[in-house]
Amino acid sequence: MVLQSLKNCLWLSCVLRTPKACFWSAAGGGLIIQSVSNDVYQNLAVEDWIHDHMDLEKQQILFLWRNSPAVVIGRHQNPWQECNLRLLRQKNIKLARRRSGGGTVYHDLGNVNLTFFTTRKKYERMGNLKLVVKALKALRPQLDVHVTDRYDILLNGQYKISGTAAKLGRTSAYHHCTLLCNADKFVLSSVLKSPYKGLKSNATPSVPASVKNLFEEDASLTSEILLDAIAKEYAVQHQIDHHITLINPADETLLPGISNKTKELQTWEWVYGKTPKFSVSTCLNMAYKDSVLDVKVDMDVKHGRIEACNIDLPEQWLPAELYSELVKNLTGSKFCPNEITVLVTTLLKVCPQDDELHSRWSLLCENMIRLM
């Protein structure tokens, strides 16, 4: 293991010292690259960079990558609808929005990611998935795996082991898919379950599916073995050397401008602000003293910001001027617990010095923050 790690380090050192032009043109017709990073934003940025910069008429590319725990949503999806954001924050799991369509997926180091780059004319999603199935069959002929009409790969006819999405540009295209090797299924099912009720959106919804790890079927199928098998099959089909080149997604000499792409994918404006317009209509059941108050909340959210807000409070529960100030400040604010926490803390400072009023205000604000 130590020798292999040393070998990989030496190999990476050679790659990063190779002049950019020579590196990308080293393999005529096809290239297989693998990221040394497990950062979801860096790896998604590599996809963007290759799509924007490479001449795919001359060279098709297979990009292999794995991420530390992350939830990745499609370009036209709503994160509040797709996952448990509070749980993501508690577990320090990253949330990313990719530039392709499709549904939401959970990534960790037990999840292999593959991206096939071609010209738009040569784009062939079914062919790529059949390549993956062929590689799996070459490893373990007894595996019952096949591609569905929805471009998923099923194990034993019922368990989804691979989801798929794509981006089609004017001349270039890429198709990426996941492959469940040994992902944490408990975390997967927990974080991909939204607690939201009363949310209405035209965003693309994910389709739930039963999943299974390949590791559960055969404990010898590690991520490394799967990556190598897929790379080998890709090399055979494209008549190129079976050689995986390691790249560092943070290397500006290899990928000029990559850091700006990575930073953009991390911004609140991209991850949350690109969410299609949605509305929230819910009832807060607030326990106060010996009773439970039902407080109806209606909000319209556009570009991740509260566009309109109405809170139906019991009469005289808060002074009218304080309620008006709350609604006024919420309107235009990010639908975000951090921003709303700062906002309500600031408003509390100008609240009359009355203990019961402070208790009511704090209770309302705590429940409003939980909405986000």
Foldseek 3Di string as FASTA:
>chain_A
DVVVVVVQVVLQVVQLPDFQVCNVPVWWQEAEAEEPDQDPLLVLLVVVLCQPDPDQVTYKYKYKYAHAWEKEAEQAAALLQFWAVVVCVVVVGYYFYHDWGAGMFIGHRQKMKMKIKHWLVPDDLQVLVVLLVVLVCVVPVPWDWDADPQRFIDTPVFATQKDKTKDHDPTMIMIMMMGGAPDDVVVGVHTRDRPADQKFDPGDYHDDGHHDHVCVVPVVDGPVSSVLSSLVSVCVVSVTDSDYRYHYSVRCSNRPPSVVSSVVRRDCLRRRLSHAKMKGWDWDFFDDDPHTDTKIKIFIAHSQATQAIDIRGPPPLAPPVLVVQLRVVRHGHGLALVRLVVVLVVSLVVGPPDVSNSVSSVRVSVRSSSND
